[in-house]
């Protein structure tokens, strides 16, 4: 299934039905009065968060969502039928914004959470409401009120405990495939991962946490280079970031330069992102050259007050220590 995490849609609630102009016409009732009924209420447009949807794909191909109008009133004081509400299912984690102003209207971060985005119009009153002692034959009624309408921007922010960040080809996809049942595409070229992937990591028998593999950043992502920073919103809700570093790529770079480059992109995206706790891990120590160079990197990071974990996503070496650290932080934040 195609992953869509942003859509622009137009919604319109139903209009209220018009009131009726009617007069009683009954045998043996020579002075039948007004008996026009009221119009029915228009349907609301409601968003509901559901775990059965994982993408905004459906709304991408149906960008106009209109609720039905209320029924018109009729004679004999009969009220028009109120329209059913239009309920739009969206994935848990969907943020609803006013497209014109950018104002956040709702954040559907829990299952079955609902938000009334547009209220239907109230039905108009029939002429029976307007009879008075001095005006016993009102020949007018109210029209129904129009339903609210908006152009909205919907953003999906994945709900995960741990977000994996790092340069392309650092081994993020291999890591998540080793520790969970997720099976992202893995290949020996940059930008293999084109969409975020979620995996559930089981530990201690019954406990688990959710980890998200985010497509790789590069320097200048905030300016749109590479894949840009369009996927960083998916790590905004995470408790901890797992920062995976690879120094095996030619020309060789230092782990510290990689670490600072990615954090600069985080800060330019949103400064508060750099305040999230990070577990920093150097991958591919199964390669002799990397394992040798990693010794100096560990010392340098220690001088900066940061623990640099060494691991190999291919062989599994060092994975247990990293998971234990992630679990500790997730439990503390929960």
Protein backbone atom coordinates (compact mmCIF):
# COMPACT_ATOMS: atom_id res chain seq x y z
CA UNK A 1 0.00 0.00 0.00
CA UNK A 2 1.26 3.47 -0.90
CA UNK A 3 2.20 5.55 2.13
CA UNK A 4 0.62 9.00 2.14
CA UNK A 5 1.17 11.21 5.19
CA UNK A 6 -0.11 14.59 3.98
CA UNK A 7 -3.29 15.55 2.15
CA UNK A 8 -5.28 18.68 1.42
CA UNK A 9 -9.05 18.22 1.46
CA UNK A 10 -12.19 20.32 1.29
CA UNK A 11 -15.03 19.52 3.69
CA UNK A 12 -18.55 20.87 3.81
CA UNK A 13 -21.19 20.11 6.42
CA UNK A 14 -24.79 19.70 5.32
CA UNK A 15 -27.14 22.66 5.01
CA UNK A 16 -30.20 22.77 7.20
CA UNK A 17 -33.53 22.06 5.52
CA UNK A 18 -35.95 24.91 4.85
CA UNK A 19 -39.05 25.44 6.95
CA UNK A 20 -42.39 24.91 5.25
CA UNK A 21 -45.19 27.38 4.50
CA UNK A 22 -48.42 25.42 4.87
CA UNK A 23 -51.99 25.87 6.15
CA UNK A 24 -54.43 23.32 7.48
CA UNK A 25 -57.04 22.27 4.99
CA UNK A 26 -59.41 19.95 6.86
CA UNK A 27 -63.08 19.25 6.52
CA UNK A 28 -65.18 20.93 9.17
CA UNK A 29 -62.25 23.16 10.19
CA UNK A 30 -63.20 26.46 8.55
CA UNK A 31 -60.30 28.45 9.97
CA UNK A 32 -57.31 26.16 9.59
CA UNK A 33 -54.14 27.87 10.76
CA UNK A 34 -50.51 27.61 9.64
CA UNK A 35 -48.99 24.16 10.08
CA UNK A 36 -45.66 24.36 8.25
CA UNK A 37 -43.00 22.14 9.86
CA UNK A 38 -39.33 22.89 10.53
CA UNK A 39 -36.42 21.82 8.37
CA UNK A 40 -34.03 19.09 9.52
CA UNK A 41 -30.43 19.64 10.62
CA UNK A 42 -27.59 19.15 8.15
CA UNK A 43 -24.99 16.46 8.81
CA UNK A 44 -21.74 17.21 10.64
CA UNK A 45 -18.32 16.25 9.25
CA UNK A 46 -16.51 14.20 11.89
CA UNK A 47 -13.02 12.69 11.87
CA UNK A 48 -12.46 9.50 13.86
CA UNK A 49 -9.04 7.98 14.63
CA UNK A 50 -8.84 4.29 13.87
CA UNK A 51 -6.12 1.66 13.99
CA UNK A 52 -7.48 0.02 10.84
CA UNK A 53 -6.01 2.81 8.69
CA UNK A 54 -2.27 3.40 8.41
CA UNK A 55 -2.11 6.02 5.65
CA UNK A 56 -4.11 8.97 4.31
CA UNK A 57 -4.23 7.36 0.87
CA UNK A 58 -8.04 7.18 0.72
CA UNK A 59 -8.39 10.94 1.19
CA UNK A 60 -5.76 11.69 -1.44
CA UNK A 61 -8.09 10.32 -4.08
CA UNK A 62 -11.29 11.72 -2.57
CA UNK A 63 -10.44 15.28 -1.60
CA UNK A 64 -14.01 16.64 -1.45
CA UNK A 65 -16.01 15.39 1.52
CA UNK A 66 -19.59 16.68 1.73
CA UNK A 67 -22.16 15.76 4.36
CA UNK A 68 -25.81 15.51 3.31
CA UNK A 69 -28.34 18.31 3.73
CA UNK A 70 -31.26 18.17 6.13
CA UNK A 71 -34.73 17.47 4.78
CA UNK A 72 -37.24 20.26 4.26
CA UNK A 73 -40.21 20.67 6.58
CA UNK A 74 -43.71 19.81 5.36
CA UNK A 75 -47.34 20.42 6.24
CA UNK A 76 -49.14 19.09 9.29
CA UNK A 77 -46.18 20.31 11.41
CA UNK A 78 -43.90 17.58 10.12
CA UNK A 79 -40.20 18.25 10.69
CA UNK A 80 -37.74 17.42 7.92
CA UNK A 81 -35.37 14.52 8.47
CA UNK A 82 -31.99 15.41 9.96
CA UNK A 83 -29.09 14.20 7.83
CA UNK A 84 -26.64 11.59 9.04
CA UNK A 85 -23.19 12.79 10.05
CA UNK A 86 -20.31 12.11 7.68
CA UNK A 87 -17.68 10.18 9.68
CA UNK A 88 -14.23 10.10 8.07
CA UNK A 89 -11.81 7.46 9.42
CA UNK A 90 -8.17 8.53 9.67
CA UNK A 91 -5.09 6.85 11.16
CA UNK A 92 -4.26 7.38 14.81
CA UNK A 93 -1.74 10.22 14.93
CA UNK A 94 -3.47 12.44 12.36
CA UNK A 95 -3.16 16.20 12.91
CA UNK A 96 -5.90 18.37 11.40
CA UNK A 97 -5.00 21.93 10.42
CA UNK A 98 -6.82 24.83 8.78
CA UNK A 99 -5.15 25.04 5.37
CA UNK A 100 -5.65 28.79 5.06
CA UNK A 101 -4.33 29.84 8.49
CA UNK A 102 -2.14 26.89 9.46
CA UNK A 103 -3.93 26.72 12.82
CA UNK A 104 -3.99 23.27 14.40
CA UNK A 105 -7.60 22.26 14.96
CA UNK A 106 -7.17 18.76 16.38
CA UNK A 107 -4.58 16.08 17.13
CA UNK A 108 -6.15 12.63 17.00
CA UNK A 109 -3.50 10.76 18.95
CA UNK A 110 -5.73 8.11 20.55
CA UNK A 111 -7.85 5.28 19.16
CA UNK A 112 -11.53 6.20 18.60
CA UNK A 113 -10.86 9.88 19.34
CA UNK A 114 -13.23 12.08 17.33
CA UNK A 115 -13.31 15.68 16.18
CA UNK A 116 -16.25 17.57 14.71
CA UNK A 117 -14.51 19.57 11.99
CA UNK A 118 -17.61 21.19 10.48
CA UNK A 119 -21.08 21.45 12.01
CA UNK A 120 -24.21 21.08 9.93
CA UNK A 121 -26.65 23.95 9.53
CA UNK A 122 -29.77 24.19 11.69
CA UNK A 123 -33.07 23.70 9.93
CA UNK A 124 -35.29 26.71 9.30
CA UNK A 125 -38.55 27.22 11.19
CA UNK A 126 -41.86 26.61 9.47
CA UNK A 127 -44.58 29.22 9.32
CA UNK A 128 -46.40 27.67 12.29
CA UNK A 129 -43.79 29.37 14.51
CA UNK A 130 -44.69 32.83 13.29
CA UNK A 131 -48.43 32.90 14.03
CA UNK A 132 -49.45 35.70 16.39
CA UNK A 133 -52.74 37.20 17.51
CA UNK A 134 -52.31 39.98 14.99
CA UNK A 135 -50.77 37.92 12.21
CA UNK A 136 -52.60 34.62 12.00
CA UNK A 137 -51.68 33.66 8.44
CA UNK A 138 -47.90 34.06 8.10
CA UNK A 139 -46.93 33.23 4.56
CA UNK A 140 -43.21 32.91 5.17
CA UNK A 141 -40.76 30.48 6.75
CA UNK A 142 -37.06 30.39 7.46
CA UNK A 143 -34.49 28.92 5.15
CA UNK A 144 -32.09 26.46 6.69
CA UNK A 145 -28.66 27.65 7.82
CA UNK A 146 -25.67 26.74 5.67
CA UNK A 147 -23.26 24.13 6.94
CA UNK A 148 -19.68 25.10 7.80
CA UNK A 149 -16.99 24.48 5.19
CA UNK A 150 -13.22 24.40 5.40
CA UNK A 151 -10.13 23.54 3.41
CA UNK A 152 -8.00 21.38 5.66
CA UNK A 153 -4.49 19.99 5.71
CA UNK A 154 -4.14 16.58 7.30
CA UNK A 155 -0.73 15.41 8.51
CA UNK A 156 0.00 11.94 9.78
CA UNK A 157 2.61 11.71 12.53
CA UNK A 158 3.45 8.13 13.34
CA UNK A 159 3.13 7.08 16.97
CA UNK A 160 6.37 5.39 17.96
CA UNK A 161 8.44 5.19 21.13
CA UNK A 162 11.79 5.17 19.32
CA UNK A 163 12.73 6.95 16.10
CA UNK A 164 15.81 5.87 14.11
CA UNK A 165 17.72 8.69 12.43
CA UNK A 166 20.95 8.88 10.48
CA UNK A 167 22.45 9.32 7.03
CA UNK A 168 21.25 7.11 4.14
CA UNK A 169 22.69 3.59 4.16
CA UNK A 170 23.74 3.80 7.81
CA UNK A 171 21.99 0.50 8.52
CA UNK A 172 18.70 1.78 9.97
CA UNK A 173 16.55 -0.64 7.97
CA UNK A 174 18.79 -3.59 8.80
CA UNK A 175 18.59 -2.68 12.49
CA UNK A 176 14.78 -2.57 12.56
CA UNK A 177 14.58 -5.84 10.61
CA UNK A 178 16.86 -7.51 13.20
CA UNK A 179 14.93 -6.37 16.29
CA UNK A 180 11.34 -6.52 15.01
CA UNK A 181 9.10 -8.21 12.44
CA UNK A 182 9.26 -5.19 10.12
CA UNK A 183 10.72 -5.94 6.72
CA UNK A 184 11.77 -2.68 5.06
CA UNK A 185 13.63 -2.72 1.76
CA UNK A 186 17.36 -3.20 2.28
CA UNK A 187 19.93 -2.61 -0.46
CA UNK A 188 23.47 -1.32 -0.97
CA UNK A 189 22.62 2.16 -2.24
CA UNK A 190 21.39 5.42 -0.68
CA UNK A 191 17.72 6.25 -0.08
CA UNK A 192 16.61 2.62 -0.12
CA UNK A 193 13.93 3.54 2.42
CA UNK A 194 11.44 5.90 0.79
CA UNK A 195 8.72 5.80 3.45
CA UNK A 196 8.77 5.36 7.25
CA UNK A 197 8.42 1.85 8.65
CA UNK A 198 7.10 0.80 12.05
CA UNK A 199 8.24 -2.25 13.96
CA UNK A 200 7.24 -3.68 17.34
CA UNK A 201 10.12 -4.80 19.54
CA UNK A 202 9.20 -7.49 22.06
CA UNK A 203 11.18 -7.84 25.29
CA UNK A 204 10.84 -9.27 28.78
CA UNK A 205 8.23 -11.75 27.59
CA UNK A 206 5.17 -9.55 27.30
CA UNK A 207 6.38 -5.95 27.13
CA UNK A 208 7.04 -4.18 23.85
CA UNK A 209 7.76 -0.81 22.28
CA UNK A 210 7.28 0.64 18.82
CA UNK A 211 10.25 1.74 16.72
CA UNK A 212 10.13 3.83 13.53
CA UNK A 213 12.66 3.68 10.70
CA UNK A 214 12.81 7.17 9.16
CA UNK A 215 14.22 7.71 5.62
CA UNK A 216 17.77 9.03 5.74
CA UNK A 217 18.69 12.68 6.15
CA UNK A 218 21.58 14.44 4.48
CA UNK A 219 23.24 17.79 5.11
CA UNK A 220 21.00 20.49 3.66
CA UNK A 221 17.81 18.47 4.15
CA UNK A 222 16.12 21.52 5.67
CA UNK A 223 16.61 23.23 2.29
CA UNK A 224 15.03 20.30 0.46
CA UNK A 225 18.19 18.41 -0.49
CA UNK A 226 17.93 14.66 -0.78
CA UNK A 227 14.50 13.71 0.51
CA UNK A 228 14.39 16.88 2.60
CA UNK A 229 13.06 16.82 6.14
CA UNK A 230 9.50 15.83 5.15
CA UNK A 231 9.61 12.69 7.31
CA UNK A 232 11.00 14.27 10.46
CA UNK A 233 7.48 14.93 11.75
CA UNK A 234 7.27 11.18 12.35
CA UNK A 235 9.86 11.36 15.14
CA UNK A 236 8.33 14.40 16.87
CA UNK A 237 6.26 12.18 19.20
CA UNK A 238 9.01 9.69 20.03
CA UNK A 239 10.48 9.36 23.51
CA UNK A 240 14.02 8.73 22.30
CA UNK A 241 16.04 8.89 19.08
CA UNK A 242 18.38 6.11 18.02
CA UNK A 243 21.09 7.84 16.02
CA UNK A 244 22.89 5.29 13.83
CA UNK A 245 26.24 6.30 12.35
CA UNK A 246 28.25 4.67 9.56
CA UNK A 247 31.90 5.56 8.95
CA UNK A 248 32.61 2.82 6.41
CA UNK A 249 31.53 4.84 3.37
CA UNK A 250 34.20 6.29 1.09
CA UNK A 251 35.49 8.92 1.51
CA UNK A 252 35.78 8.12 5.20
CA UNK A 253 34.24 10.60 7.63
CA UNK A 254 34.39 10.79 11.40
CA UNK A 255 31.52 9.67 13.57
CA UNK A 256 31.51 13.06 15.28
CA UNK A 257 31.08 14.98 12.00
CA UNK A 258 28.20 12.69 11.07
CA UNK A 259 26.63 13.17 14.49
CA UNK A 260 26.84 16.97 14.40
CA UNK A 261 25.61 17.19 10.79
CA UNK A 262 22.42 15.27 11.53
CA UNK A 263 21.78 17.24 14.71
CA UNK A 264 22.15 20.49 12.81
CA UNK A 265 19.36 19.32 10.49
CA UNK A 266 17.20 18.45 13.50
CA UNK A 267 17.76 21.89 15.00
CA UNK A 268 16.93 23.65 11.74
CA UNK A 269 13.75 21.62 11.45
CA UNK A 270 12.66 22.25 15.05
CA UNK A 271 15.09 23.33 17.79
CA UNK A 272 13.25 21.28 20.42
CA UNK A 273 14.10 18.09 18.52
CA UNK A 274 17.69 18.29 19.73
CA UNK A 275 16.44 18.18 23.33
CA UNK A 276 15.19 14.61 22.86
CA UNK A 277 17.41 11.94 24.42
CA UNK A 278 19.58 10.18 21.86
CA UNK A 279 21.21 6.79 21.94
CA UNK A 280 24.18 7.11 19.59
CA UNK A 281 25.38 3.92 17.93
CA UNK A 282 28.19 3.22 15.45
CA UNK A 283 27.24 0.45 13.01
CA UNK A 284 29.22 -2.06 10.90
CA UNK A 285 31.90 -2.98 13.45
CA UNK A 286 31.95 -6.37 11.74
CA UNK A 287 34.26 -4.64 9.23
CA UNK A 288 37.88 -4.74 10.51
CA UNK A 289 38.68 -1.19 9.40
CA UNK A 290 35.60 0.23 11.13
CA UNK A 291 36.28 -1.71 14.33
CA UNK A 292 39.80 -0.30 14.51
CA UNK A 293 38.77 3.29 13.83
CA UNK A 294 35.84 2.99 16.26
CA UNK A 295 38.23 2.93 19.25
CA UNK A 296 39.24 6.55 18.66
CA UNK A 297 35.64 7.55 18.04
CA UNK A 298 34.54 6.12 21.40
CA UNK A 299 37.22 8.17 23.18
CA UNK A 300 36.23 11.37 21.34
CA UNK A 301 32.53 10.95 22.15
CA UNK A 302 33.37 10.22 25.78
CA UNK A 303 35.22 13.55 25.99
CA UNK A 304 32.03 15.20 24.73
CA UNK A 305 30.03 13.46 27.45
CA UNK A 306 28.31 11.01 25.08
CA UNK A 307 28.40 7.22 25.14
CA UNK A 308 29.01 5.80 21.66
CA UNK A 309 27.62 2.27 21.39
CA UNK A 310 29.29 -0.08 18.92
CA UNK A 311 27.27 -2.71 17.08
CA UNK A 312 26.79 -4.67 13.90
CA UNK A 313 23.28 -4.90 12.47
CA UNK A 314 24.47 -7.79 10.29
CA UNK A 315 25.95 -10.05 12.98
CA UNK A 316 23.87 -8.79 15.92
CA UNK A 317 26.92 -7.86 18.00
CA UNK A 318 26.09 -5.08 20.48
CA UNK A 319 22.35 -5.05 19.74
CA UNK A 320 21.33 -6.23 23.21
CA UNK A 321 23.11 -3.34 24.93
CA UNK A 322 21.45 -0.80 22.62
CA UNK A 323 17.99 -2.29 23.18
CA UNK A 324 18.47 -2.27 26.94
CA UNK A 325 19.37 1.43 26.81
CA UNK A 326 16.35 2.23 24.65
CA UNK A 327 14.05 0.25 26.93
CA UNK A 328 15.32 2.11 29.98
CA UNK A 329 14.62 5.53 28.44
CA UNK A 330 11.21 4.50 27.07
CA UNK A 331 10.14 3.19 30.49
CA UNK A 332 11.34 6.36 32.20
CA UNK A 333 9.39 8.58 29.82
CA UNK A 334 6.27 6.41 30.06
